[in-house]
Amino acid sequence: MALDSINISRDLPLGKLQEEVHEWISKHGVRYFNELTNMAQLSEEVGEVARIIARRYGEQSEKESDKNKDLGEELSDVLFVLLCLANQTGINLQEAFDRKMKIKQDRDHKRHHGNEKLK
């Protein structure tokens, strides 16, 4: 699916999202959960995404009670907790992401284009 066909605001870098989460925590969440609690929460949220993907797109059957689960909402839960972890550990996620994309671009371009399994 082309990025242009997805409704994404390119004006919201990860840094702005980190600020938004921090503001929400300050106003509504009292404080961040500790890092270990947030790591456990992240694992739980990823599990919920995995359940939807496995049943909706994989070979497992989807229970009637799972058919109304919103994948976007669950992915947003993952992103929220990930942003919390970045904030509380002092990570500028935009800078880290930009560095990683440069590494992947330099490392993977020829490797993926040369992969017969992807053709």
PDB file of N, CA and C in Angstrom:
ATOM      1  N   MET A   1       0.851  -1.170   0.000  1.00  0.00           N
ATOM      2  CA  MET A   1       0.000   0.000   0.000  1.00  0.00           C
ATOM      3  C   MET A   1       0.895   1.231   0.000  1.00  0.00           C
ATOM      4  N   ALA A   2       0.634   2.177  -0.866  1.00  0.00           N
ATOM      5  CA  ALA A   2       1.428   3.393  -0.946  1.00  0.00           C
ATOM      6  C   ALA A   2       1.146   4.297   0.240  1.00  0.00           C
ATOM      7  N   LEU A   3       2.204   4.963   0.702  1.00  0.00           N
ATOM      8  CA  LEU A   3       2.061   5.871   1.836  1.00  0.00           C
ATOM      9  C   LEU A   3       1.044   6.965   1.534  1.00  0.00           C
ATOM     10  N   ASP A   4       0.970   7.402   0.291  1.00  0.00           N
ATOM     11  CA  ASP A   4       0.029   8.464  -0.089  1.00  0.00           C
ATOM     12  C   ASP A   4      -1.429   8.043   0.086  1.00  0.00           C
ATOM     13  N   SER A   5      -1.696   6.747   0.078  1.00  0.00           N
ATOM     14  CA  SER A   5      -3.072   6.281   0.224  1.00  0.00           C
ATOM     15  C   SER A   5      -3.486   6.142   1.679  1.00  0.00           C
ATOM     16  N   ILE A   6      -2.542   6.360   2.604  1.00  0.00           N
ATOM     17  CA  ILE A   6      -2.824   6.298   4.029  1.00  0.00           C
ATOM     18  C   ILE A   6      -2.915   7.720   4.552  1.00  0.00           C
ATOM     19  N   ASN A   7      -3.897   7.978   5.402  1.00  0.00           N
ATOM     20  CA  ASN A   7      -4.091   9.315   5.942  1.00  0.00           C
ATOM     21  C   ASN A   7      -3.076   9.577   7.047  1.00  0.00           C
ATOM     22  N   ILE A   8      -1.903  10.108   6.656  1.00  0.00           N
ATOM     23  CA  ILE A   8      -0.830  10.384   7.604  1.00  0.00           C
ATOM     24  C   ILE A   8      -0.469  11.857   7.497  1.00  0.00           C
ATOM     25  N   SER A   9      -0.392  12.520   8.641  1.00  0.00           N
ATOM     26  CA  SER A   9       0.075  13.900   8.657  1.00  0.00           C
ATOM     27  C   SER A   9       1.586  13.893   8.758  1.00  0.00           C
ATOM     28  N   ARG A  10       2.251  14.350   7.752  1.00  0.00           N
ATOM     29  CA  ARG A  10       3.714  14.383   7.759  1.00  0.00           C
ATOM     30  C   ARG A  10       4.235  15.566   8.568  1.00  0.00           C
ATOM     31  N   ASP A  11       3.327  16.352   9.126  1.00  0.00           N
ATOM     32  CA  ASP A  11       3.720  17.491   9.951  1.00  0.00           C
ATOM     33  C   ASP A  11       3.890  17.103  11.413  1.00  0.00           C
ATOM     34  N   LEU A  12       3.725  15.831  11.752  1.00  0.00           N
ATOM     35  CA  LEU A  12       3.823  15.389  13.137  1.00  0.00           C
ATOM     36  C   LEU A  12       5.011  14.440  13.315  1.00  0.00           C
ATOM     37  N   PRO A  13       6.213  15.020  13.473  1.00  0.00           N
ATOM     38  CA  PRO A  13       7.361  14.136  13.706  1.00  0.00           C
ATOM     39  C   PRO A  13       7.247  13.469  15.068  1.00  0.00           C
ATOM     40  N   LEU A  14       8.046  12.467  15.269  1.00  0.00           N
ATOM     41  CA  LEU A  14       8.007  11.719  16.520  1.00  0.00           C
ATOM     42  C   LEU A  14       8.250  12.612  17.733  1.00  0.00           C
ATOM     43  N   GLY A  15       9.067  13.641  17.579  1.00  0.00           N
ATOM     44  CA  GLY A  15       9.309  14.560  18.689  1.00  0.00           C
ATOM     45  C   GLY A  15       8.044  15.247  19.151  1.00  0.00           C
ATOM     46  N   LYS A  16       7.208  15.632  18.216  1.00  0.00           N
ATOM     47  CA  LYS A  16       5.933  16.259  18.578  1.00  0.00           C
ATOM     48  C   LYS A  16       5.044  15.255  19.302  1.00  0.00           C
ATOM     49  N   LEU A  17       5.052  14.014  18.849  1.00  0.00           N
ATOM     50  CA  LEU A  17       4.278  12.972  19.531  1.00  0.00           C
ATOM     51  C   LEU A  17       4.801  12.736  20.943  1.00  0.00           C
ATOM     52  N   GLN A  18       6.121  12.751  21.108  1.00  0.00           N
ATOM     53  CA  GLN A  18       6.684  12.587  22.449  1.00  0.00           C
ATOM     54  C   GLN A  18       6.221  13.720  23.361  1.00  0.00           C
ATOM     55  N   GLU A  19       6.217  14.938  22.834  1.00  0.00           N
ATOM     56  CA  GLU A  19       5.748  16.084  23.622  1.00  0.00           C
ATOM     57  C   GLU A  19       4.274  15.928  23.986  1.00  0.00           C
ATOM     58  N   GLU A  20       3.476  15.479  23.033  1.00  0.00           N
ATOM     59  CA  GLU A  20       2.044  15.305  23.277  1.00  0.00           C
ATOM     60  C   GLU A  20       1.793  14.266  24.374  1.00  0.00           C
ATOM     61  N   VAL A  21       2.523  13.162  24.336  1.00  0.00           N
ATOM     62  CA  VAL A  21       2.377  12.130  25.364  1.00  0.00           C
ATOM     63  C   VAL A  21       2.813  12.675  26.718  1.00  0.00           C
ATOM     64  N   HIS A  22       3.921  13.396  26.749  1.00  0.00           N
ATOM     65  CA  HIS A  22       4.403  13.954  28.016  1.00  0.00           C
ATOM     66  C   HIS A  22       3.381  14.925  28.611  1.00  0.00           C
ATOM     67  N   GLU A  23       2.808  15.750  27.772  1.00  0.00           N
ATOM     68  CA  GLU A  23       1.779  16.691  28.231  1.00  0.00           C
ATOM     69  C   GLU A  23       0.572  15.932  28.788  1.00  0.00           C
ATOM     70  N   TRP A  24       0.152  14.871  28.111  1.00  0.00           N
ATOM     71  CA  TRP A  24      -0.983  14.082  28.593  1.00  0.00           C
ATOM     72  C   TRP A  24      -0.665  13.460  29.950  1.00  0.00           C
ATOM     73  N   ILE A  25       0.529  12.872  30.072  1.00  0.00           N
ATOM     74  CA  ILE A  25       0.934  12.258  31.338  1.00  0.00           C
ATOM     75  C   ILE A  25       0.907  13.315  32.446  1.00  0.00           C
ATOM     76  N   SER A  26       1.423  14.501  32.163  1.00  0.00           N
ATOM     77  CA  SER A  26       1.485  15.564  33.160  1.00  0.00           C
ATOM     78  C   SER A  26       0.105  16.020  33.608  1.00  0.00           C
ATOM     79  N   LYS A  27      -0.836  16.068  32.686  1.00  0.00           N
ATOM     80  CA  LYS A  27      -2.175  16.576  32.999  1.00  0.00           C
ATOM     81  C   LYS A  27      -3.135  15.500  33.488  1.00  0.00           C
ATOM     82  N   HIS A  28      -3.029  14.304  32.951  1.00  0.00           N
ATOM     83  CA  HIS A  28      -4.042  13.277  33.207  1.00  0.00           C
ATOM     84  C   HIS A  28      -3.502  12.017  33.878  1.00  0.00           C
ATOM     85  N   GLY A  29      -2.250  11.712  33.650  1.00  0.00           N
ATOM     86  CA  GLY A  29      -1.713  10.443  34.113  1.00  0.00           C
ATOM     87  C   GLY A  29      -0.984  10.508  35.429  1.00  0.00           C
ATOM     88  N   VAL A  30      -0.882  11.671  36.031  1.00  0.00           N
ATOM     89  CA  VAL A  30      -0.184  11.915  37.294  1.00  0.00           C
ATOM     90  C   VAL A  30       1.324  11.792  37.115  1.00  0.00           C
ATOM     91  N   ARG A  31       1.802  10.620  36.693  1.00  0.00           N
ATOM     92  CA  ARG A  31       3.232  10.400  36.446  1.00  0.00           C
ATOM     93  C   ARG A  31       3.364   9.197  35.520  1.00  0.00           C
ATOM     94  N   TYR A  32       4.558   9.011  35.001  1.00  0.00           N
ATOM     95  CA  TYR A  32       4.843   7.817  34.211  1.00  0.00           C
ATOM     96  C   TYR A  32       4.872   6.606  35.130  1.00  0.00           C
ATOM     97  N   PHE A  33       4.399   5.461  34.633  1.00  0.00           N
ATOM     98  CA  PHE A  33       4.668   4.208  35.322  1.00  0.00           C
ATOM     99  C   PHE A  33       6.179   3.991  35.231  1.00  0.00           C
ATOM    100  N   ASN A  34       6.746   3.188  36.113  1.00  0.00           N
ATOM    101  CA  ASN A  34       8.184   2.966  36.002  1.00  0.00           C
ATOM    102  C   ASN A  34       8.491   2.187  34.721  1.00  0.00           C
ATOM    103  N   GLU A  35       9.766   2.172  34.364  1.00  0.00           N
ATOM    104  CA  GLU A  35      10.185   1.575  33.093  1.00  0.00           C
ATOM    105  C   GLU A  35       9.824   0.099  32.991  1.00  0.00           C
ATOM    106  N   LEU A  36       9.970  -0.619  34.080  1.00  0.00           N
ATOM    107  CA  LEU A  36       9.649  -2.055  34.055  1.00  0.00           C
ATOM    108  C   LEU A  36       8.152  -2.270  33.835  1.00  0.00           C
ATOM    109  N   THR A  37       7.328  -1.477  34.503  1.00  0.00           N
ATOM    110  CA  THR A  37       5.877  -1.579  34.302  1.00  0.00           C
ATOM    111  C   THR A  37       5.525  -1.235  32.862  1.00  0.00           C
ATOM    112  N   ASN A  38       6.133  -0.187  32.320  1.00  0.00           N
ATOM    113  CA  ASN A  38       5.840   0.181  30.932  1.00  0.00           C
ATOM    114  C   ASN A  38       6.333  -0.879  29.953  1.00  0.00           C
ATOM    115  N   MET A  39       7.445  -1.543  30.266  1.00  0.00           N
ATOM    116  CA  MET A  39       7.912  -2.623  29.393  1.00  0.00           C
ATOM    117  C   MET A  39       6.912  -3.768  29.395  1.00  0.00           C
ATOM    118  N   ALA A  40       6.393  -4.104  30.566  1.00  0.00           N
ATOM    119  CA  ALA A  40       5.375  -5.156  30.649  1.00  0.00           C
ATOM    120  C   ALA A  40       4.114  -4.732  29.903  1.00  0.00           C
ATOM    121  N   GLN A  41       3.758  -3.463  30.039  1.00  0.00           N
ATOM    122  CA  GLN A  41       2.577  -2.950  29.340  1.00  0.00           C
ATOM    123  C   GLN A  41       2.778  -2.995  27.829  1.00  0.00           C
ATOM    124  N   LEU A  42       3.987  -2.649  27.374  1.00  0.00           N
ATOM    125  CA  LEU A  42       4.289  -2.716  25.944  1.00  0.00           C
ATOM    126  C   LEU A  42       4.137  -4.143  25.433  1.00  0.00           C
ATOM    127  N   SER A  43       4.632  -5.102  26.187  1.00  0.00           N
ATOM    128  CA  SER A  43       4.501  -6.514  25.792  1.00  0.00           C
ATOM    129  C   SER A  43       3.037  -6.917  25.696  1.00  0.00           C
ATOM    130  N   GLU A  44       2.248  -6.462  26.647  1.00  0.00           N
ATOM    131  CA  GLU A  44       0.817  -6.769  26.643  1.00  0.00           C
ATOM    132  C   GLU A  44       0.138  -6.175  25.406  1.00  0.00           C
ATOM    133  N   GLU A  45       0.456  -4.928  25.100  1.00  0.00           N
ATOM    134  CA  GLU A  45      -0.166  -4.270  23.940  1.00  0.00           C
ATOM    135  C   GLU A  45       0.255  -4.929  22.637  1.00  0.00           C
ATOM    136  N   VAL A  46       1.525  -5.311  22.528  1.00  0.00           N
ATOM    137  CA  VAL A  46       1.997  -6.012  21.326  1.00  0.00           C
ATOM    138  C   VAL A  46       1.277  -7.349  21.192  1.00  0.00           C
ATOM    139  N   GLY A  47       1.020  -8.007  22.307  1.00  0.00           N
ATOM    140  CA  GLY A  47       0.261  -9.259  22.286  1.00  0.00           C
ATOM    141  C   GLY A  47      -1.145  -9.064  21.743  1.00  0.00           C
ATOM    142  N   GLU A  48      -1.775  -7.944  22.089  1.00  0.00           N
ATOM    143  CA  GLU A  48      -3.117  -7.669  21.571  1.00  0.00           C
ATOM    144  C   GLU A  48      -3.084  -7.440  20.060  1.00  0.00           C
ATOM    145  N   VAL A  49      -2.047  -6.761  19.579  1.00  0.00           N
ATOM    146  CA  VAL A  49      -1.883  -6.577  18.133  1.00  0.00           C
ATOM    147  C   VAL A  49      -1.671  -7.933  17.470  1.00  0.00           C
ATOM    148  N   ALA A  50      -0.817  -8.759  18.063  1.00  0.00           N
ATOM    149  CA  ALA A  50      -0.534 -10.085  17.503  1.00  0.00           C
ATOM    150  C   ALA A  50      -1.796 -10.932  17.420  1.00  0.00           C
ATOM    151  N   ARG A  51      -2.640 -10.855  18.429  1.00  0.00           N
ATOM    152  CA  ARG A  51      -3.882 -11.632  18.437  1.00  0.00           C
ATOM    153  C   ARG A  51      -4.772 -11.236  17.256  1.00  0.00           C
ATOM    154  N   ILE A  52      -4.921  -9.933  17.041  1.00  0.00           N
ATOM    155  CA  ILE A  52      -5.753  -9.470  15.919  1.00  0.00           C
ATOM    156  C   ILE A  52      -5.158  -9.917  14.588  1.00  0.00           C
ATOM    157  N   ILE A  53      -3.860  -9.703  14.414  1.00  0.00           N
ATOM    158  CA  ILE A  53      -3.193 -10.058  13.153  1.00  0.00           C
ATOM    159  C   ILE A  53      -3.294 -11.562  12.898  1.00  0.00           C
ATOM    160  N   ALA A  54      -3.025 -12.364  13.916  1.00  0.00           N
ATOM    161  CA  ALA A  54      -3.047 -13.824  13.761  1.00  0.00           C
ATOM    162  C   ALA A  54      -4.422 -14.328  13.357  1.00  0.00           C
ATOM    163  N   ARG A  55      -5.449 -13.714  13.913  1.00  0.00           N
ATOM    164  CA  ARG A  55      -6.798 -14.200  13.653  1.00  0.00           C
ATOM    165  C   ARG A  55      -7.428 -13.563  12.418  1.00  0.00           C
ATOM    166  N   ARG A  56      -7.138 -12.321  12.174  1.00  0.00           N
ATOM    167  CA  ARG A  56      -7.753 -11.635  11.044  1.00  0.00           C
ATOM    168  C   ARG A  56      -7.019 -11.896   9.738  1.00  0.00           C
ATOM    169  N   TYR A  57      -5.697 -11.983   9.804  1.00  0.00           N
ATOM    170  CA  TYR A  57      -4.902 -12.129   8.585  1.00  0.00           C
ATOM    171  C   TYR A  57      -4.156 -13.455   8.509  1.00  0.00           C
ATOM    172  N   GLY A  58      -4.071 -14.158   9.623  1.00  0.00           N
ATOM    173  CA  GLY A  58      -3.368 -15.441   9.662  1.00  0.00           C
ATOM    174  C   GLY A  58      -4.331 -16.602   9.512  1.00  0.00           C
ATOM    175  N   GLU A  59      -3.890 -17.737   9.929  1.00  0.00           N
ATOM    176  CA  GLU A  59      -4.658 -18.959   9.731  1.00  0.00           C
ATOM    177  C   GLU A  59      -5.564 -19.311  10.898  1.00  0.00           C
ATOM    178  N   GLN A  60      -5.439 -18.613  12.012  1.00  0.00           N
ATOM    179  CA  GLN A  60      -6.327 -18.892  13.139  1.00  0.00           C
ATOM    180  C   GLN A  60      -7.703 -18.299  12.869  1.00  0.00           C
ATOM    181  N   SER A  61      -8.726 -18.957  13.388  1.00  0.00           N
ATOM    182  CA  SER A  61     -10.072 -18.419  13.210  1.00  0.00           C
ATOM    183  C   SER A  61     -10.290 -17.272  14.188  1.00  0.00           C
ATOM    184  N   GLU A  62     -11.083 -16.317  13.753  1.00  0.00           N
ATOM    185  CA  GLU A  62     -11.361 -15.135  14.559  1.00  0.00           C
ATOM    186  C   GLU A  62     -12.655 -15.346  15.329  1.00  0.00           C
ATOM    187  N   LYS A  63     -12.585 -15.192  16.632  1.00  0.00           N
ATOM    188  CA  LYS A  63     -13.782 -15.323  17.451  1.00  0.00           C
ATOM    189  C   LYS A  63     -14.712 -14.156  17.169  1.00  0.00           C
ATOM    190  N   GLU A  64     -15.984 -14.387  17.333  1.00  0.00           N
ATOM    191  CA  GLU A  64     -16.973 -13.325  17.107  1.00  0.00           C
ATOM    192  C   GLU A  64     -16.659 -12.100  17.974  1.00  0.00           C
ATOM    193  N   SER A  65     -16.226 -12.356  19.207  1.00  0.00           N
ATOM    194  CA  SER A  65     -15.922 -11.247  20.125  1.00  0.00           C
ATOM    195  C   SER A  65     -14.697 -10.443  19.705  1.00  0.00           C
ATOM    196  N   ASP A  66     -13.849 -11.012  18.837  1.00  0.00           N
ATOM    197  CA  ASP A  66     -12.647 -10.312  18.380  1.00  0.00           C
ATOM    198  C   ASP A  66     -12.875  -9.510  17.101  1.00  0.00           C
ATOM    199  N   LYS A  67     -13.968  -9.752  16.403  1.00  0.00           N
ATOM    200  CA  LYS A  67     -14.182  -9.125  15.100  1.00  0.00           C
ATOM    201  C   LYS A  67     -14.356  -7.609  15.165  1.00  0.00           C
ATOM    202  N   ASN A  68     -14.750  -7.094  16.313  1.00  0.00           N
ATOM    203  CA  ASN A  68     -14.937  -5.652  16.441  1.00  0.00           C
ATOM    204  C   ASN A  68     -13.708  -4.945  17.005  1.00  0.00           C
ATOM    205  N   LYS A  69     -12.631  -5.691  17.266  1.00  0.00           N
ATOM    206  CA  LYS A  69     -11.422  -5.067  17.799  1.00  0.00           C
ATOM    207  C   LYS A  69     -10.773  -4.222  16.723  1.00  0.00           C
ATOM    208  N   ASP A  70     -10.340  -3.041  17.115  1.00  0.00           N
ATOM    209  CA  ASP A  70      -9.790  -2.048  16.200  1.00  0.00           C
ATOM    210  C   ASP A  70      -8.264  -2.159  16.184  1.00  0.00           C
ATOM    211  N   LEU A  71      -7.704  -2.642  15.075  1.00  0.00           N
ATOM    212  CA  LEU A  71      -6.262  -2.801  14.958  1.00  0.00           C
ATOM    213  C   LEU A  71      -5.553  -1.462  15.111  1.00  0.00           C
ATOM    214  N   GLY A  72      -6.105  -0.418  14.534  1.00  0.00           N
ATOM    215  CA  GLY A  72      -5.496   0.910  14.656  1.00  0.00           C
ATOM    216  C   GLY A  72      -5.402   1.365  16.098  1.00  0.00           C
ATOM    217  N   GLU A  73      -6.445   1.104  16.862  1.00  0.00           N
ATOM    218  CA  GLU A  73      -6.434   1.478  18.282  1.00  0.00           C
ATOM    219  C   GLU A  73      -5.365   0.700  19.039  1.00  0.00           C
ATOM    220  N   GLU A  74      -5.241  -0.576  18.728  1.00  0.00           N
ATOM    221  CA  GLU A  74      -4.237  -1.396  19.408  1.00  0.00           C
ATOM    222  C   GLU A  74      -2.822  -0.977  19.014  1.00  0.00           C
ATOM    223  N   LEU A  75      -2.602  -0.655  17.743  1.00  0.00           N
ATOM    224  CA  LEU A  75      -1.298  -0.157  17.314  1.00  0.00           C
ATOM    225  C   LEU A  75      -0.984   1.175  17.995  1.00  0.00           C
ATOM    226  N   SER A  76      -2.000   2.000  18.182  1.00  0.00           N
ATOM    227  CA  SER A  76      -1.812   3.274  18.883  1.00  0.00           C
ATOM    228  C   SER A  76      -1.444   3.054  20.340  1.00  0.00           C
ATOM    229  N   ASP A  77      -2.007   2.028  20.962  1.00  0.00           N
ATOM    230  CA  ASP A  77      -1.623   1.690  22.334  1.00  0.00           C
ATOM    231  C   ASP A  77      -0.135   1.346  22.399  1.00  0.00           C
ATOM    232  N   VAL A  78       0.343   0.573  21.423  1.00  0.00           N
ATOM    233  CA  VAL A  78       1.766   0.218  21.363  1.00  0.00           C
ATOM    234  C   VAL A  78       2.600   1.483  21.226  1.00  0.00           C
ATOM    235  N   LEU A  79       2.202   2.357  20.314  1.00  0.00           N
ATOM    236  CA  LEU A  79       2.949   3.592  20.084  1.00  0.00           C
ATOM    237  C   LEU A  79       2.966   4.473  21.329  1.00  0.00           C
ATOM    238  N   PHE A  80       1.843   4.580  22.021  1.00  0.00           N
ATOM    239  CA  PHE A  80       1.762   5.397  23.222  1.00  0.00           C
ATOM    240  C   PHE A  80       2.760   4.918  24.278  1.00  0.00           C
ATOM    241  N   VAL A  81       2.778   3.617  24.538  1.00  0.00           N
ATOM    242  CA  VAL A  81       3.677   3.090  25.562  1.00  0.00           C
ATOM    243  C   VAL A  81       5.126   3.219  25.108  1.00  0.00           C
ATOM    244  N   LEU A  82       5.382   3.017  23.825  1.00  0.00           N
ATOM    245  CA  LEU A  82       6.726   3.189  23.284  1.00  0.00           C
ATOM    246  C   LEU A  82       7.206   4.627  23.467  1.00  0.00           C
ATOM    247  N   LEU A  83       6.316   5.583  23.220  1.00  0.00           N
ATOM    248  CA  LEU A  83       6.657   6.990  23.421  1.00  0.00           C
ATOM    249  C   LEU A  83       6.910   7.290  24.896  1.00  0.00           C
ATOM    250  N   CYS A  84       6.131   6.675  25.785  1.00  0.00           N
ATOM    251  CA  CYS A  84       6.369   6.830  27.224  1.00  0.00           C
ATOM    252  C   CYS A  84       7.765   6.337  27.592  1.00  0.00           C
ATOM    253  N   LEU A  85       8.139   5.160  27.100  1.00  0.00           N
ATOM    254  CA  LEU A  85       9.457   4.609  27.402  1.00  0.00           C
ATOM    255  C   LEU A  85      10.574   5.502  26.874  1.00  0.00           C
ATOM    256  N   ALA A  86      10.391   6.044  25.684  1.00  0.00           N
ATOM    257  CA  ALA A  86      11.396   6.957  25.126  1.00  0.00           C
ATOM    258  C   ALA A  86      11.521   8.194  26.002  1.00  0.00           C
ATOM    259  N   ASN A  87      10.397   8.751  26.392  1.00  0.00           N
ATOM    260  CA  ASN A  87      10.419   9.952  27.227  1.00  0.00           C
ATOM    261  C   ASN A  87      11.135   9.709  28.546  1.00  0.00           C
ATOM    262  N   GLN A  88      10.781   8.645  29.222  1.00  0.00           N
ATOM    263  CA  GLN A  88      11.307   8.447  30.562  1.00  0.00           C
ATOM    264  C   GLN A  88      12.747   7.958  30.578  1.00  0.00           C
ATOM    265  N   THR A  89      13.256   7.524  29.425  1.00  0.00           N
ATOM    266  CA  THR A  89      14.663   7.117  29.342  1.00  0.00           C
ATOM    267  C   THR A  89      15.513   8.130  28.593  1.00  0.00           C
ATOM    268  N   GLY A  90      14.909   9.271  28.242  1.00  0.00           N
ATOM    269  CA  GLY A  90      15.659  10.363  27.619  1.00  0.00           C
ATOM    270  C   GLY A  90      16.044  10.134  26.171  1.00  0.00           C
ATOM    271  N   ILE A  91      15.272   9.350  25.463  1.00  0.00           N
ATOM    272  CA  ILE A  91      15.558   9.056  24.057  1.00  0.00           C
ATOM    273  C   ILE A  91      14.795  10.025  23.159  1.00  0.00           C
ATOM    274  N   ASN A  92      15.497  10.684  22.258  1.00  0.00           N
ATOM    275  CA  ASN A  92      14.841  11.474  21.218  1.00  0.00           C
ATOM    276  C   ASN A  92      14.533  10.483  20.104  1.00  0.00           C
ATOM    277  N   LEU A  93      13.291  10.056  20.044  1.00  0.00           N
ATOM    278  CA  LEU A  93      12.903   8.988  19.128  1.00  0.00           C
ATOM    279  C   LEU A  93      13.039   9.399  17.668  1.00  0.00           C
ATOM    280  N   GLN A  94      12.806  10.662  17.351  1.00  0.00           N
ATOM    281  CA  GLN A  94      12.956  11.114  15.964  1.00  0.00           C
ATOM    282  C   GLN A  94      14.408  10.982  15.515  1.00  0.00           C
ATOM    283  N   GLU A  95      15.333  11.432  16.358  1.00  0.00           N
ATOM    284  CA  GLU A  95      16.751  11.313  16.013  1.00  0.00           C
ATOM    285  C   GLU A  95      17.166   9.849  15.895  1.00  0.00           C
ATOM    286  N   ALA A  96      16.714   9.028  16.833  1.00  0.00           N
ATOM    287  CA  ALA A  96      17.053   7.604  16.795  1.00  0.00           C
ATOM    288  C   ALA A  96      16.480   6.938  15.546  1.00  0.00           C
ATOM    289  N   PHE A  97      15.235   7.286  15.207  1.00  0.00           N
ATOM    290  CA  PHE A  97      14.588   6.726  14.018  1.00  0.00           C
ATOM    291  C   PHE A  97      15.327   7.164  12.747  1.00  0.00           C
ATOM    292  N   ASP A  98      15.680   8.439  12.675  1.00  0.00           N
ATOM    293  CA  ASP A  98      16.399   8.940  11.499  1.00  0.00           C
ATOM    294  C   ASP A  98      17.740   8.228  11.320  1.00  0.00           C
ATOM    295  N   ARG A  99      18.459   8.021  12.441  1.00  0.00           N
ATOM    296  CA  ARG A  99      19.729   7.284  12.367  1.00  0.00           C
ATOM    297  C   ARG A  99      19.494   5.861  11.876  1.00  0.00           C
ATOM    298  N   LYS A 100      18.466   5.207  12.405  1.00  0.00           N
ATOM    299  CA  LYS A 100      18.183   3.817  12.023  1.00  0.00           C
ATOM    300  C   LYS A 100      17.815   3.712  10.548  1.00  0.00           C
ATOM    301  N   MET A 101      17.017   4.672  10.056  1.00  0.00           N
ATOM    302  CA  MET A 101      16.636   4.636   8.638  1.00  0.00           C
ATOM    303  C   MET A 101      17.855   4.801   7.739  1.00  0.00           C
ATOM    304  N   LYS A 102      18.811   5.628   8.142  1.00  0.00           N
ATOM    305  CA  LYS A 102      20.047   5.803   7.367  1.00  0.00           C
ATOM    306  C   LYS A 102      20.836   4.492   7.354  1.00  0.00           C
ATOM    307  N   ILE A 103      20.937   3.855   8.505  1.00  0.00           N
ATOM    308  CA  ILE A 103      21.646   2.573   8.591  1.00  0.00           C
ATOM    309  C   ILE A 103      20.966   1.545   7.692  1.00  0.00           C
ATOM    310  N   LYS A 104      19.644   1.448   7.792  1.00  0.00           N
ATOM    311  CA  LYS A 104      18.910   0.465   6.994  1.00  0.00           C
ATOM    312  C   LYS A 104      19.043   0.756   5.502  1.00  0.00           C
ATOM    313  N   GLN A 105      19.013   2.031   5.139  1.00  0.00           N
ATOM    314  CA  GLN A 105      19.146   2.407   3.730  1.00  0.00           C
ATOM    315  C   GLN A 105      20.505   1.974   3.194  1.00  0.00           C
ATOM    316  N   ASP A 106      21.554   2.281   3.938  1.00  0.00           N
ATOM    317  CA  ASP A 106      22.905   1.946   3.489  1.00  0.00           C
ATOM    318  C   ASP A 106      23.139   0.436   3.482  1.00  0.00           C
ATOM    319  N   ARG A 107      22.614  -0.253   4.481  1.00  0.00           N
ATOM    320  CA  ARG A 107      22.884  -1.674   4.663  1.00  0.00           C
ATOM    321  C   ARG A 107      22.007  -2.574   3.803  1.00  0.00           C
ATOM    322  N   ASP A 108      20.742  -2.205   3.635  1.00  0.00           N
ATOM    323  CA  ASP A 108      19.759  -3.153   3.121  1.00  0.00           C
ATOM    324  C   ASP A 108      19.350  -2.976   1.657  1.00  0.00           C
ATOM    325  N   HIS A 109      19.682  -1.868   1.036  1.00  0.00           N
ATOM    326  CA  HIS A 109      19.189  -1.629  -0.318  1.00  0.00           C
ATOM    327  C   HIS A 109      19.575  -2.758  -1.276  1.00  0.00           C
ATOM    328  N   LYS A 110      20.846  -3.023  -1.391  1.00  0.00           N
ATOM    329  CA  LYS A 110      21.289  -4.077  -2.312  1.00  0.00           C
ATOM    330  C   LYS A 110      20.860  -5.451  -1.843  1.00  0.00           C
ATOM    331  N   ARG A 111      20.875  -5.653  -0.525  1.00  0.00           N
ATOM    332  CA  ARG A 111      20.517  -6.955   0.019  1.00  0.00           C
ATOM    333  C   ARG A 111      19.079  -7.320  -0.338  1.00  0.00           C
ATOM    334  N   HIS A 112      18.152  -6.393  -0.161  1.00  0.00           N
ATOM    335  CA  HIS A 112      16.740  -6.692  -0.437  1.00  0.00           C
ATOM    336  C   HIS A 112      16.460  -6.750  -1.932  1.00  0.00           C
ATOM    337  N   HIS A 113      17.091  -5.880  -2.703  1.00  0.00           N
ATOM    338  CA  HIS A 113      16.877  -5.928  -4.155  1.00  0.00           C
ATOM    339  C   HIS A 113      17.478  -7.188  -4.770  1.00  0.00           C
ATOM    340  N   GLY A 114      18.475  -7.761  -4.116  1.00  0.00           N
ATOM    341  CA  GLY A 114      19.093  -8.985  -4.610  1.00  0.00           C
ATOM    342  C   GLY A 114      18.437 -10.249  -4.053  1.00  0.00           C
ATOM    343  N   ASN A 115      17.429 -10.117  -3.228  1.00  0.00           N
ATOM    344  CA  ASN A 115      16.776 -11.271  -2.599  1.00  0.00           C
ATOM    345  C   ASN A 115      15.731 -11.868  -3.542  1.00  0.00           C
ATOM    346  N   GLU A 116      16.016 -13.041  -4.076  1.00  0.00           N
ATOM    347  CA  GLU A 116      15.105 -13.711  -5.012  1.00  0.00           C
ATOM    348  C   GLU A 116      13.759 -14.014  -4.377  1.00  0.00           C
ATOM    349  N   LYS A 117      13.706 -14.209  -3.075  1.00  0.00           N
ATOM    350  CA  LYS A 117      12.453 -14.518  -2.380  1.00  0.00           C
ATOM    351  C   LYS A 117      11.481 -13.357  -2.409  1.00  0.00           C
ATOM    352  N   LEU A 118      11.987 -12.136  -2.614  1.00  0.00           N
ATOM    353  CA  LEU A 118      11.136 -10.948  -2.621  1.00  0.00           C
ATOM    354  C   LEU A 118      10.637 -10.576  -4.014  1.00  0.00           C
ATOM    355  N   LYS A 119      11.065 -11.317  -5.022  1.00  0.00           N
ATOM    356  CA  LYS A 119      10.662 -10.987  -6.410  1.00  0.00           C
ATOM    357  C   LYS A 119       9.416 -11.721  -6.805  1.00  0.00           C
TER     358      LYS A 119
END
